[in-house]
C-alpha cells in the first residue's frame, strides 16, 4: 500500500500503539504529540492521510486539519476525540475532515475507516 499517514496524538503510549499498528498494516507512518511538531512534519512530507486528535497541548486538531488542507488539499483527515462530542464532530466535518471517530478507538475500526478513505 505504502500510503504515508500522519498521526497527531498527545497520549504518547496510544500514539506509538497506533503508529506500530498501522505500520504493521503496510502504511508508512509518522507521528507527533503536538501541533508544532505536526507542522514541521507537514513542511517536510506529503501525507495521503492524517489521524488527528482534537485536543492537543498547543492547538486543536481542527487547526492542524486546516493547515494540512491548505498545504495538501487532497489529504484525507480522520479526527478523533472523546466519546459524545458532537459539536466537535460538526466543526471537524465543516473544516474538511473526511471522518470522525470517538475515543476509545478500536484500531481495527480505524483501519477500516482508513481503507475506505484510500
PDB file of N, CA and C in Angstrom:
ATOM      1  N   UNK A   1       0.819  -1.194   0.000  1.00  0.00           N
ATOM      2  CA  UNK A   1       0.000   0.000   0.000  1.00  0.00           C
ATOM      3  C   UNK A   1       0.862   1.257   0.000  1.00  0.00           C
ATOM      4  N   UNK A   2       1.764   1.396   0.950  1.00  0.00           N
ATOM      5  CA  UNK A   2       2.714   2.491   1.046  1.00  0.00           C
ATOM      6  C   UNK A   2       2.077   3.882   1.107  1.00  0.00           C
ATOM      7  N   UNK A   3       0.933   3.999   1.738  1.00  0.00           N
ATOM      8  CA  UNK A   3       0.296   5.281   1.968  1.00  0.00           C
ATOM      9  C   UNK A   3       0.979   5.945   3.158  1.00  0.00           C
ATOM     10  N   UNK A   4       1.374   7.213   3.016  1.00  0.00           N
ATOM     11  CA  UNK A   4       2.022   7.926   4.114  1.00  0.00           C
ATOM     12  C   UNK A   4       0.951   8.577   4.988  1.00  0.00           C
ATOM     13  N   UNK A   5       0.977   8.227   6.287  1.00  0.00           N
ATOM     14  CA  UNK A   5      -0.014   8.700   7.253  1.00  0.00           C
ATOM     15  C   UNK A   5       0.671   9.504   8.347  1.00  0.00           C
ATOM     16  N   UNK A   6       0.039  10.620   8.713  1.00  0.00           N
ATOM     17  CA  UNK A   6       0.471  11.421   9.858  1.00  0.00           C
ATOM     18  C   UNK A   6      -0.491  11.157  11.005  1.00  0.00           C
ATOM     19  N   UNK A   7       0.067  10.813  12.173  1.00  0.00           N
ATOM     20  CA  UNK A   7      -0.744  10.663  13.380  1.00  0.00           C
ATOM     21  C   UNK A   7      -0.325  11.766  14.350  1.00  0.00           C
ATOM     22  N   UNK A   8      -1.304  12.520  14.842  1.00  0.00           N
ATOM     23  CA  UNK A   8      -1.025  13.551  15.847  1.00  0.00           C
ATOM     24  C   UNK A   8      -1.900  13.241  17.062  1.00  0.00           C
ATOM     25  N   UNK A   9      -1.250  12.801  18.123  1.00  0.00           N
ATOM     26  CA  UNK A   9      -1.936  12.349  19.348  1.00  0.00           C
ATOM     27  C   UNK A   9      -1.014  12.639  20.521  1.00  0.00           C
ATOM     28  N   UNK A  10      -1.507  13.371  21.530  1.00  0.00           N
ATOM     29  CA  UNK A  10      -0.649  13.764  22.649  1.00  0.00           C
ATOM     30  C   UNK A  10      -0.436  12.663  23.683  1.00  0.00           C
ATOM     31  N   UNK A  11      -1.237  11.613  23.660  1.00  0.00           N
ATOM     32  CA  UNK A  11      -1.018  10.459  24.533  1.00  0.00           C
ATOM     33  C   UNK A  11       0.063   9.607  23.870  1.00  0.00           C
ATOM     34  N   UNK A  12       1.294   9.702  24.383  1.00  0.00           N
ATOM     35  CA  UNK A  12       2.443   9.078  23.739  1.00  0.00           C
ATOM     36  C   UNK A  12       2.263   7.574  23.553  1.00  0.00           C
ATOM     37  N   UNK A  13       1.778   6.886  24.580  1.00  0.00           N
ATOM     38  CA  UNK A  13       1.612   5.431  24.501  1.00  0.00           C
ATOM     39  C   UNK A  13       0.599   5.071  23.416  1.00  0.00           C
ATOM     40  N   UNK A  14      -0.537   5.753  23.419  1.00  0.00           N
ATOM     41  CA  UNK A  14      -1.566   5.485  22.408  1.00  0.00           C
ATOM     42  C   UNK A  14      -1.067   5.848  21.009  1.00  0.00           C
ATOM     43  N   UNK A  15      -0.344   6.943  20.907  1.00  0.00           N
ATOM     44  CA  UNK A  15       0.211   7.371  19.620  1.00  0.00           C
ATOM     45  C   UNK A  15       1.147   6.301  19.055  1.00  0.00           C
ATOM     46  N   UNK A  16       2.047   5.801  19.878  1.00  0.00           N
ATOM     47  CA  UNK A  16       3.003   4.779  19.421  1.00  0.00           C
ATOM     48  C   UNK A  16       2.285   3.467  19.100  1.00  0.00           C
ATOM     49  N   UNK A  17       1.232   3.152  19.860  1.00  0.00           N
ATOM     50  CA  UNK A  17       0.445   1.951  19.580  1.00  0.00           C
ATOM     51  C   UNK A  17      -0.184   2.046  18.180  1.00  0.00           C
ATOM     52  N   UNK A  18      -0.799   3.199  17.880  1.00  0.00           N
ATOM     53  CA  UNK A  18      -1.394   3.391  16.549  1.00  0.00           C
ATOM     54  C   UNK A  18      -0.332   3.357  15.455  1.00  0.00           C
ATOM     55  N   UNK A  19       0.812   3.992  15.726  1.00  0.00           N
ATOM     56  CA  UNK A  19       1.900   4.009  14.739  1.00  0.00           C
ATOM     57  C   UNK A  19       2.350   2.591  14.408  1.00  0.00           C
ATOM     58  N   UNK A  20       2.587   1.798  15.448  1.00  0.00           N
ATOM     59  CA  UNK A  20       3.023   0.403  15.221  1.00  0.00           C
ATOM     60  C   UNK A  20       1.943  -0.405  14.509  1.00  0.00           C
ATOM     61  N   UNK A  21       0.694  -0.249  14.951  1.00  0.00           N
ATOM     62  CA  UNK A  21      -0.414  -0.996  14.358  1.00  0.00           C
ATOM     63  C   UNK A  21      -0.540  -0.691  12.861  1.00  0.00           C
ATOM     64  N   UNK A  22      -0.522   0.588  12.496  1.00  0.00           N
ATOM     65  CA  UNK A  22      -0.671   0.951  11.085  1.00  0.00           C
ATOM     66  C   UNK A  22       0.574   0.583  10.274  1.00  0.00           C
ATOM     67  N   UNK A  23       1.743   0.667  10.890  1.00  0.00           N
ATOM     68  CA  UNK A  23       2.976   0.242  10.200  1.00  0.00           C
ATOM     69  C   UNK A  23       2.927  -1.247   9.864  1.00  0.00           C
ATOM     70  N   UNK A  24       2.418  -2.048  10.798  1.00  0.00           N
ATOM     71  CA  UNK A  24       2.286  -3.492  10.563  1.00  0.00           C
ATOM     72  C   UNK A  24       1.276  -3.786   9.456  1.00  0.00           C
ATOM     73  N   UNK A  25       0.376  -2.813   9.207  1.00  0.00           N
ATOM     74  CA  UNK A  25      -0.609  -2.968   8.133  1.00  0.00           C
ATOM     75  C   UNK A  25      -0.154  -2.287   6.845  1.00  0.00           C
ATOM     76  N   UNK A  26       1.171  -2.155   6.710  1.00  0.00           N
ATOM     77  CA  UNK A  26       1.829  -1.711   5.476  1.00  0.00           C
ATOM     78  C   UNK A  26       1.622  -0.242   5.122  1.00  0.00           C
ATOM     79  N   UNK A  27       1.421   0.609   6.132  1.00  0.00           N
ATOM     80  CA  UNK A  27       1.375   2.048   5.906  1.00  0.00           C
ATOM     81  C   UNK A  27       2.708   2.636   6.359  1.00  0.00           C
ATOM     82  N   UNK A  28       3.120   3.720   5.730  1.00  0.00           N
ATOM     83  CA  UNK A  28       4.279   4.474   6.191  1.00  0.00           C
ATOM     84  C   UNK A  28       3.734   5.526   7.152  1.00  0.00           C
ATOM     85  N   UNK A  29       4.131   5.453   8.415  1.00  0.00           N
ATOM     86  CA  UNK A  29       3.523   6.283   9.453  1.00  0.00           C
ATOM     87  C   UNK A  29       4.559   7.194  10.111  1.00  0.00           C
ATOM     88  N   UNK A  30       4.183   8.458  10.280  1.00  0.00           N
ATOM     89  CA  UNK A  30       4.984   9.412  11.048  1.00  0.00           C
ATOM     90  C   UNK A  30       4.049   9.969  12.121  1.00  0.00           C
ATOM     91  N   UNK A  31       4.614  10.274  13.305  1.00  0.00           N
ATOM     92  CA  UNK A  31       3.736  10.774  14.356  1.00  0.00           C
ATOM     93  C   UNK A  31       4.325  11.965  15.081  1.00  0.00           C
ATOM     94  N   UNK A  32       3.411  12.705  15.717  1.00  0.00           N
ATOM     95  CA  UNK A  32       3.765  13.873  16.518  1.00  0.00           C
ATOM     96  C   UNK A  32       2.834  13.909  17.721  1.00  0.00           C
ATOM     97  N   UNK A  33       3.318  14.508  18.801  1.00  0.00           N
ATOM     98  CA  UNK A  33       2.499  14.605  20.009  1.00  0.00           C
ATOM     99  C   UNK A  33       1.958  16.018  20.237  1.00  0.00           C
ATOM    100  N   UNK A  34       2.246  16.933  19.326  1.00  0.00           N
ATOM    101  CA  UNK A  34       1.718  18.303  19.443  1.00  0.00           C
ATOM    102  C   UNK A  34       1.644  18.935  18.053  1.00  0.00           C
ATOM    103  N   UNK A  35       0.977  20.074  17.995  1.00  0.00           N
ATOM    104  CA  UNK A  35       0.775  20.746  16.719  1.00  0.00           C
ATOM    105  C   UNK A  35       2.058  21.261  16.097  1.00  0.00           C
ATOM    106  N   UNK A  36       2.958  21.791  16.911  1.00  0.00           N
ATOM    107  CA  UNK A  36       4.218  22.337  16.407  1.00  0.00           C
ATOM    108  C   UNK A  36       5.000  21.260  15.649  1.00  0.00           C
ATOM    109  N   UNK A  37       5.140  20.091  16.257  1.00  0.00           N
ATOM    110  CA  UNK A  37       5.865  19.001  15.596  1.00  0.00           C
ATOM    111  C   UNK A  37       5.115  18.518  14.352  1.00  0.00           C
ATOM    112  N   UNK A  38       3.788  18.520  14.415  1.00  0.00           N
ATOM    113  CA  UNK A  38       2.991  18.120  13.249  1.00  0.00           C
ATOM    114  C   UNK A  38       3.245  19.079  12.090  1.00  0.00           C
ATOM    115  N   UNK A  39       3.277  20.381  12.374  1.00  0.00           N
ATOM    116  CA  UNK A  39       3.550  21.375  11.323  1.00  0.00           C
ATOM    117  C   UNK A  39       4.910  21.128  10.682  1.00  0.00           C
ATOM    118  N   UNK A  40       5.912  20.810  11.511  1.00  0.00           N
ATOM    119  CA  UNK A  40       7.254  20.528  10.979  1.00  0.00           C
ATOM    120  C   UNK A  40       7.219  19.319  10.044  1.00  0.00           C
ATOM    121  N   UNK A  41       6.519  18.267  10.443  1.00  0.00           N
ATOM    122  CA  UNK A  41       6.414  17.082   9.582  1.00  0.00           C
ATOM    123  C   UNK A  41       5.686  17.414   8.284  1.00  0.00           C
ATOM    124  N   UNK A  42       4.661  18.280   8.349  1.00  0.00           N
ATOM    125  CA  UNK A  42       3.903  18.649   7.147  1.00  0.00           C
ATOM    126  C   UNK A  42       4.754  19.482   6.186  1.00  0.00           C
ATOM    127  N   UNK A  43       5.726  20.220   6.709  1.00  0.00           N
ATOM    128  CA  UNK A  43       6.618  21.003   5.851  1.00  0.00           C
ATOM    129  C   UNK A  43       7.547  20.096   5.044  1.00  0.00           C
ATOM    130  N   UNK A  44       7.898  18.954   5.614  1.00  0.00           N
ATOM    131  CA  UNK A  44       8.903  18.076   5.012  1.00  0.00           C
ATOM    132  C   UNK A  44       8.334  16.864   4.275  1.00  0.00           C
ATOM    133  N   UNK A  45       7.038  16.616   4.406  1.00  0.00           N
ATOM    134  CA  UNK A  45       6.445  15.392   3.856  1.00  0.00           C
ATOM    135  C   UNK A  45       5.101  15.675   3.207  1.00  0.00           C
ATOM    136  N   UNK A  46       4.717  14.779   2.318  1.00  0.00           N
ATOM    137  CA  UNK A  46       3.378  14.816   1.743  1.00  0.00           C
ATOM    138  C   UNK A  46       2.631  13.608   2.303  1.00  0.00           C
ATOM    139  N   UNK A  47       1.522  13.886   2.977  1.00  0.00           N
ATOM    140  CA  UNK A  47       0.731  12.817   3.589  1.00  0.00           C
ATOM    141  C   UNK A  47      -0.537  12.592   2.788  1.00  0.00           C
ATOM    142  N   UNK A  48      -0.858  11.324   2.584  1.00  0.00           N
ATOM    143  CA  UNK A  48      -2.113  10.993   1.919  1.00  0.00           C
ATOM    144  C   UNK A  48      -3.273  11.050   2.916  1.00  0.00           C
ATOM    145  N   UNK A  49      -2.933  10.830   4.204  1.00  0.00           N
ATOM    146  CA  UNK A  49      -3.965  10.766   5.227  1.00  0.00           C
ATOM    147  C   UNK A  49      -3.398  11.215   6.572  1.00  0.00           C
ATOM    148  N   UNK A  50      -4.242  11.838   7.395  1.00  0.00           N
ATOM    149  CA  UNK A  50      -3.830  12.217   8.751  1.00  0.00           C
ATOM    150  C   UNK A  50      -4.887  11.774   9.749  1.00  0.00           C
ATOM    151  N   UNK A  51      -4.430  11.298  10.900  1.00  0.00           N
ATOM    152  CA  UNK A  51      -5.294  10.952  12.020  1.00  0.00           C
ATOM    153  C   UNK A  51      -4.944  11.948  13.118  1.00  0.00           C
ATOM    154  N   UNK A  52      -5.898  12.842  13.419  1.00  0.00           N
ATOM    155  CA  UNK A  52      -5.621  13.956  14.321  1.00  0.00           C
ATOM    156  C   UNK A  52      -6.486  13.904  15.571  1.00  0.00           C
ATOM    157  N   UNK A  53      -5.832  13.973  16.723  1.00  0.00           N
ATOM    158  CA  UNK A  53      -6.570  14.117  17.978  1.00  0.00           C
ATOM    159  C   UNK A  53      -7.081  15.553  18.032  1.00  0.00           C
ATOM    160  N   UNK A  54      -8.279  15.752  18.555  1.00  0.00           N
ATOM    161  CA  UNK A  54      -8.827  17.110  18.638  1.00  0.00           C
ATOM    162  C   UNK A  54      -8.115  17.943  19.701  1.00  0.00           C
ATOM    163  N   UNK A  55      -7.949  17.368  20.887  1.00  0.00           N
ATOM    164  CA  UNK A  55      -7.358  18.132  21.992  1.00  0.00           C
ATOM    165  C   UNK A  55      -5.862  17.837  22.099  1.00  0.00           C
ATOM    166  N   UNK A  56      -5.076  18.873  21.834  1.00  0.00           N
ATOM    167  CA  UNK A  56      -3.620  18.769  21.909  1.00  0.00           C
ATOM    168  C   UNK A  56      -3.109  19.856  22.846  1.00  0.00           C
ATOM    169  N   UNK A  57      -1.874  19.734  23.338  1.00  0.00           N
ATOM    170  CA  UNK A  57      -1.391  20.715  24.310  1.00  0.00           C
ATOM    171  C   UNK A  57      -1.251  22.139  23.757  1.00  0.00           C
ATOM    172  N   UNK A  58      -1.000  22.280  22.463  1.00  0.00           N
ATOM    173  CA  UNK A  58      -0.720  23.614  21.926  1.00  0.00           C
ATOM    174  C   UNK A  58      -1.732  24.131  20.901  1.00  0.00           C
ATOM    175  N   UNK A  59      -2.646  23.296  20.460  1.00  0.00           N
ATOM    176  CA  UNK A  59      -3.673  23.719  19.499  1.00  0.00           C
ATOM    177  C   UNK A  59      -4.689  22.602  19.350  1.00  0.00           C
ATOM    178  N   UNK A  60      -5.685  22.812  18.482  1.00  0.00           N
ATOM    179  CA  UNK A  60      -6.678  21.758  18.253  1.00  0.00           C
ATOM    180  C   UNK A  60      -6.364  21.007  16.961  1.00  0.00           C
ATOM    181  N   UNK A  61      -6.926  19.834  16.865  1.00  0.00           N
ATOM    182  CA  UNK A  61      -6.793  19.051  15.643  1.00  0.00           C
ATOM    183  C   UNK A  61      -7.401  19.762  14.443  1.00  0.00           C
ATOM    184  N   UNK A  62      -8.407  20.597  14.681  1.00  0.00           N
ATOM    185  CA  UNK A  62      -9.037  21.329  13.575  1.00  0.00           C
ATOM    186  C   UNK A  62      -8.066  22.369  13.006  1.00  0.00           C
ATOM    187  N   UNK A  63      -7.250  22.973  13.860  1.00  0.00           N
ATOM    188  CA  UNK A  63      -6.235  23.912  13.367  1.00  0.00           C
ATOM    189  C   UNK A  63      -5.217  23.187  12.486  1.00  0.00           C
ATOM    190  N   UNK A  64      -4.820  21.990  12.898  1.00  0.00           N
ATOM    191  CA  UNK A  64      -3.875  21.206  12.100  1.00  0.00           C
ATOM    192  C   UNK A  64      -4.541  20.777  10.796  1.00  0.00           C
ATOM    193  N   UNK A  65      -5.797  20.360  10.882  1.00  0.00           N
ATOM    194  CA  UNK A  65      -6.562  19.963   9.699  1.00  0.00           C
ATOM    195  C   UNK A  65      -6.588  21.109   8.678  1.00  0.00           C
ATOM    196  N   UNK A  66      -6.870  22.313   9.133  1.00  0.00           N
ATOM    197  CA  UNK A  66      -6.938  23.467   8.228  1.00  0.00           C
ATOM    198  C   UNK A  66      -5.597  23.717   7.547  1.00  0.00           C
ATOM    199  N   UNK A  67      -4.518  23.641   8.313  1.00  0.00           N
ATOM    200  CA  UNK A  67      -3.172  23.851   7.761  1.00  0.00           C
ATOM    201  C   UNK A  67      -2.825  22.749   6.759  1.00  0.00           C
ATOM    202  N   UNK A  68      -3.165  21.500   7.096  1.00  0.00           N
ATOM    203  CA  UNK A  68      -2.877  20.385   6.192  1.00  0.00           C
ATOM    204  C   UNK A  68      -3.656  20.525   4.889  1.00  0.00           C
ATOM    205  N   UNK A  69      -4.937  20.855   4.972  1.00  0.00           N
ATOM    206  CA  UNK A  69      -5.763  21.006   3.769  1.00  0.00           C
ATOM    207  C   UNK A  69      -5.278  22.167   2.902  1.00  0.00           C
ATOM    208  N   UNK A  70      -4.736  23.206   3.555  1.00  0.00           N
ATOM    209  CA  UNK A  70      -4.186  24.350   2.828  1.00  0.00           C
ATOM    210  C   UNK A  70      -2.957  23.929   2.023  1.00  0.00           C
ATOM    211  N   UNK A  71      -2.076  23.132   2.643  1.00  0.00           N
ATOM    212  CA  UNK A  71      -0.833  22.697   2.002  1.00  0.00           C
ATOM    213  C   UNK A  71      -1.034  21.484   1.099  1.00  0.00           C
ATOM    214  N   UNK A  72      -1.921  20.578   1.522  1.00  0.00           N
ATOM    215  CA  UNK A  72      -2.123  19.321   0.807  1.00  0.00           C
ATOM    216  C   UNK A  72      -3.628  19.061   0.685  1.00  0.00           C
ATOM    217  N   UNK A  73      -4.301  19.764  -0.250  1.00  0.00           N
ATOM    218  CA  UNK A  73      -5.769  19.716  -0.324  1.00  0.00           C
ATOM    219  C   UNK A  73      -6.359  18.320  -0.560  1.00  0.00           C
ATOM    220  N   UNK A  74      -5.580  17.416  -1.109  1.00  0.00           N
ATOM    221  CA  UNK A  74      -6.104  16.072  -1.383  1.00  0.00           C
ATOM    222  C   UNK A  74      -5.944  15.110  -0.216  1.00  0.00           C
ATOM    223  N   UNK A  75      -5.280  15.542   0.842  1.00  0.00           N
ATOM    224  CA  UNK A  75      -5.086  14.667   2.005  1.00  0.00           C
ATOM    225  C   UNK A  75      -6.432  14.383   2.663  1.00  0.00           C
ATOM    226  N   UNK A  76      -6.607  13.157   3.083  1.00  0.00           N
ATOM    227  CA  UNK A  76      -7.803  12.758   3.830  1.00  0.00           C
ATOM    228  C   UNK A  76      -7.501  12.914   5.317  1.00  0.00           C
ATOM    229  N   UNK A  77      -8.516  13.286   6.097  1.00  0.00           N
ATOM    230  CA  UNK A  77      -8.304  13.527   7.524  1.00  0.00           C
ATOM    231  C   UNK A  77      -9.362  12.806   8.351  1.00  0.00           C
ATOM    232  N   UNK A  78      -8.881  12.086   9.369  1.00  0.00           N
ATOM    233  CA  UNK A  78      -9.745  11.455  10.365  1.00  0.00           C
ATOM    234  C   UNK A  78      -9.482  12.193  11.677  1.00  0.00           C
ATOM    235  N   UNK A  79     -10.524  12.770  12.269  1.00  0.00           N
ATOM    236  CA  UNK A  79     -10.384  13.466  13.541  1.00  0.00           C
ATOM    237  C   UNK A  79     -10.883  12.554  14.649  1.00  0.00           C
ATOM    238  N   UNK A  80     -10.121  12.493  15.747  1.00  0.00           N
ATOM    239  CA  UNK A  80     -10.522  11.661  16.882  1.00  0.00           C
ATOM    240  C   UNK A  80     -10.666  12.527  18.133  1.00  0.00           C
ATOM    241  N   UNK A  81     -11.661  12.232  18.937  1.00  0.00           N
ATOM    242  CA  UNK A  81     -11.860  12.922  20.209  1.00  0.00           C
ATOM    243  C   UNK A  81     -12.695  12.047  21.132  1.00  0.00           C
ATOM    244  N   UNK A  82     -12.910  12.561  22.319  1.00  0.00           N
ATOM    245  CA  UNK A  82     -13.622  11.744  23.303  1.00  0.00           C
ATOM    246  C   UNK A  82     -15.069  11.481  22.871  1.00  0.00           C
ATOM    247  N   UNK A  83     -15.622  10.430  23.385  1.00  0.00           N
ATOM    248  CA  UNK A  83     -16.977   9.997  23.042  1.00  0.00           C
ATOM    249  C   UNK A  83     -18.001  11.086  23.333  1.00  0.00           C
ATOM    250  N   UNK A  84     -18.936  11.264  22.415  1.00  0.00           N
ATOM    251  CA  UNK A  84     -20.079  12.131  22.648  1.00  0.00           C
ATOM    252  C   UNK A  84     -19.862  13.608  22.365  1.00  0.00           C
ATOM    253  N   UNK A  85     -18.794  13.969  21.698  1.00  0.00           N
ATOM    254  CA  UNK A  85     -18.526  15.377  21.431  1.00  0.00           C
ATOM    255  C   UNK A  85     -19.031  15.745  20.033  1.00  0.00           C
ATOM    256  N   UNK A  86     -20.367  15.787  19.891  1.00  0.00           N
ATOM    257  CA  UNK A  86     -20.989  16.029  18.582  1.00  0.00           C
ATOM    258  C   UNK A  86     -20.660  17.410  18.016  1.00  0.00           C
ATOM    259  N   UNK A  87     -20.510  18.406  18.898  1.00  0.00           N
ATOM    260  CA  UNK A  87     -20.180  19.762  18.431  1.00  0.00           C
ATOM    261  C   UNK A  87     -18.818  19.772  17.726  1.00  0.00           C
ATOM    262  N   UNK A  88     -17.853  19.062  18.306  1.00  0.00           N
ATOM    263  CA  UNK A  88     -16.531  18.967  17.696  1.00  0.00           C
ATOM    264  C   UNK A  88     -16.630  18.232  16.360  1.00  0.00           C
ATOM    265  N   UNK A  89     -17.426  17.182  16.314  1.00  0.00           N
ATOM    266  CA  UNK A  89     -17.603  16.432  15.066  1.00  0.00           C
ATOM    267  C   UNK A  89     -18.144  17.348  13.974  1.00  0.00           C
ATOM    268  N   UNK A  90     -19.120  18.163  14.306  1.00  0.00           N
ATOM    269  CA  UNK A  90     -19.698  19.090  13.326  1.00  0.00           C
ATOM    270  C   UNK A  90     -18.660  20.082  12.834  1.00  0.00           C
ATOM    271  N   UNK A  91     -17.873  20.635  13.754  1.00  0.00           N
ATOM    272  CA  UNK A  91     -16.809  21.585  13.382  1.00  0.00           C
ATOM    273  C   UNK A  91     -15.776  20.899  12.476  1.00  0.00           C
ATOM    274  N   UNK A  92     -15.432  19.664  12.821  1.00  0.00           N
ATOM    275  CA  UNK A  92     -14.427  18.927  12.053  1.00  0.00           C
ATOM    276  C   UNK A  92     -14.892  18.684  10.618  1.00  0.00           C
ATOM    277  N   UNK A  93     -16.128  18.250  10.466  1.00  0.00           N
ATOM    278  CA  UNK A  93     -16.668  17.991   9.128  1.00  0.00           C
ATOM    279  C   UNK A  93     -16.743  19.295   8.338  1.00  0.00           C
ATOM    280  N   UNK A  94     -17.172  20.377   9.000  1.00  0.00           N
ATOM    281  CA  UNK A  94     -17.242  21.685   8.335  1.00  0.00           C
ATOM    282  C   UNK A  94     -15.860  22.165   7.898  1.00  0.00           C
ATOM    283  N   UNK A  95     -14.824  21.818   8.664  1.00  0.00           N
ATOM    284  CA  UNK A  95     -13.451  22.233   8.334  1.00  0.00           C
ATOM    285  C   UNK A  95     -12.804  21.352   7.275  1.00  0.00           C
ATOM    286  N   UNK A  96     -13.480  20.260   6.915  1.00  0.00           N
ATOM    287  CA  UNK A  96     -12.940  19.409   5.852  1.00  0.00           C
ATOM    288  C   UNK A  96     -12.518  18.019   6.269  1.00  0.00           C
ATOM    289  N   UNK A  97     -12.832  17.621   7.504  1.00  0.00           N
ATOM    290  CA  UNK A  97     -12.497  16.253   7.918  1.00  0.00           C
ATOM    291  C   UNK A  97     -13.311  15.256   7.092  1.00  0.00           C
ATOM    292  N   UNK A  98     -12.692  14.145   6.767  1.00  0.00           N
ATOM    293  CA  UNK A  98     -13.359  13.116   5.968  1.00  0.00           C
ATOM    294  C   UNK A  98     -14.034  12.069   6.829  1.00  0.00           C
ATOM    295  N   UNK A  99     -13.605  11.977   8.094  1.00  0.00           N
ATOM    296  CA  UNK A  99     -14.202  11.014   9.015  1.00  0.00           C
ATOM    297  C   UNK A  99     -13.950  11.484  10.440  1.00  0.00           C
ATOM    298  N   UNK A 100     -14.769  10.980  11.352  1.00  0.00           N
ATOM    299  CA  UNK A 100     -14.685  11.343  12.761  1.00  0.00           C
ATOM    300  C   UNK A 100     -14.866  10.066  13.569  1.00  0.00           C
ATOM    301  N   UNK A 101     -13.959   9.839  14.520  1.00  0.00           N
ATOM    302  CA  UNK A 101     -14.046   8.647  15.364  1.00  0.00           C
ATOM    303  C   UNK A 101     -13.966   9.078  16.823  1.00  0.00           C
ATOM    304  N   UNK A 102     -14.853   8.532  17.646  1.00  0.00           N
ATOM    305  CA  UNK A 102     -14.843   8.831  19.078  1.00  0.00           C
ATOM    306  C   UNK A 102     -13.930   7.860  19.822  1.00  0.00           C
ATOM    307  N   UNK A 103     -13.257   8.384  20.860  1.00  0.00           N
ATOM    308  CA  UNK A 103     -12.468   7.524  21.748  1.00  0.00           C
ATOM    309  C   UNK A 103     -13.422   6.839  22.716  1.00  0.00           C
ATOM    310  N   UNK A 104     -13.130   5.657  23.193  1.00  0.00           N
ATOM    311  CA  UNK A 104     -11.926   4.890  22.891  1.00  0.00           C
ATOM    312  C   UNK A 104     -11.976   4.303  21.485  1.00  0.00           C
ATOM    313  N   UNK A 105     -10.825   4.284  20.849  1.00  0.00           N
ATOM    314  CA  UNK A 105     -10.739   3.842  19.455  1.00  0.00           C
ATOM    315  C   UNK A 105     -10.369   2.371  19.396  1.00  0.00           C
ATOM    316  N   UNK A 106     -11.090   1.653  18.575  1.00  0.00           N
ATOM    317  CA  UNK A 106     -10.751   0.280  18.244  1.00  0.00           C
ATOM    318  C   UNK A 106      -9.828   0.361  17.027  1.00  0.00           C
ATOM    319  N   UNK A 107      -8.567  -0.095  17.132  1.00  0.00           N
ATOM    320  CA  UNK A 107      -7.639   0.016  15.996  1.00  0.00           C
ATOM    321  C   UNK A 107      -8.177  -0.604  14.702  1.00  0.00           C
ATOM    322  N   UNK A 108      -8.917  -1.707  14.814  1.00  0.00           N
ATOM    323  CA  UNK A 108      -9.470  -2.330  13.606  1.00  0.00           C
ATOM    324  C   UNK A 108     -10.514  -1.437  12.949  1.00  0.00           C
ATOM    325  N   UNK A 109     -11.294  -0.724  13.761  1.00  0.00           N
ATOM    326  CA  UNK A 109     -12.280   0.215  13.229  1.00  0.00           C
ATOM    327  C   UNK A 109     -11.560   1.357  12.495  1.00  0.00           C
ATOM    328  N   UNK A 110     -10.489   1.866  13.105  1.00  0.00           N
ATOM    329  CA  UNK A 110      -9.696   2.919  12.469  1.00  0.00           C
ATOM    330  C   UNK A 110      -9.128   2.417  11.137  1.00  0.00           C
ATOM    331  N   UNK A 111      -8.625   1.201  11.127  1.00  0.00           N
ATOM    332  CA  UNK A 111      -8.071   0.624   9.896  1.00  0.00           C
ATOM    333  C   UNK A 111      -9.142   0.545   8.807  1.00  0.00           C
ATOM    334  N   UNK A 112     -10.349   0.141   9.163  1.00  0.00           N
ATOM    335  CA  UNK A 112     -11.455   0.092   8.189  1.00  0.00           C
ATOM    336  C   UNK A 112     -11.745   1.470   7.631  1.00  0.00           C
ATOM    337  N   UNK A 113     -11.786   2.489   8.492  1.00  0.00           N
ATOM    338  CA  UNK A 113     -12.053   3.862   8.051  1.00  0.00           C
ATOM    339  C   UNK A 113     -10.958   4.308   7.083  1.00  0.00           C
ATOM    340  N   UNK A 114      -9.714   4.048   7.440  1.00  0.00           N
ATOM    341  CA  UNK A 114      -8.582   4.445   6.580  1.00  0.00           C
ATOM    342  C   UNK A 114      -8.660   3.752   5.232  1.00  0.00           C
ATOM    343  N   UNK A 115      -8.941   2.462   5.230  1.00  0.00           N
ATOM    344  CA  UNK A 115      -9.040   1.733   3.954  1.00  0.00           C
ATOM    345  C   UNK A 115     -10.171   2.273   3.094  1.00  0.00           C
ATOM    346  N   UNK A 116     -11.282   2.644   3.720  1.00  0.00           N
ATOM    347  CA  UNK A 116     -12.408   3.196   2.963  1.00  0.00           C
ATOM    348  C   UNK A 116     -12.108   4.574   2.395  1.00  0.00           C
ATOM    349  N   UNK A 117     -11.214   5.328   3.019  1.00  0.00           N
ATOM    350  CA  UNK A 117     -10.860   6.657   2.536  1.00  0.00           C
ATOM    351  C   UNK A 117      -9.804   6.609   1.431  1.00  0.00           C
ATOM    352  N   UNK A 118      -9.055   5.516   1.365  1.00  0.00           N
ATOM    353  CA  UNK A 118      -7.980   5.400   0.356  1.00  0.00           C
ATOM    354  C   UNK A 118      -8.523   5.203  -1.041  1.00  0.00           C
TER     355      UNK A 118
END
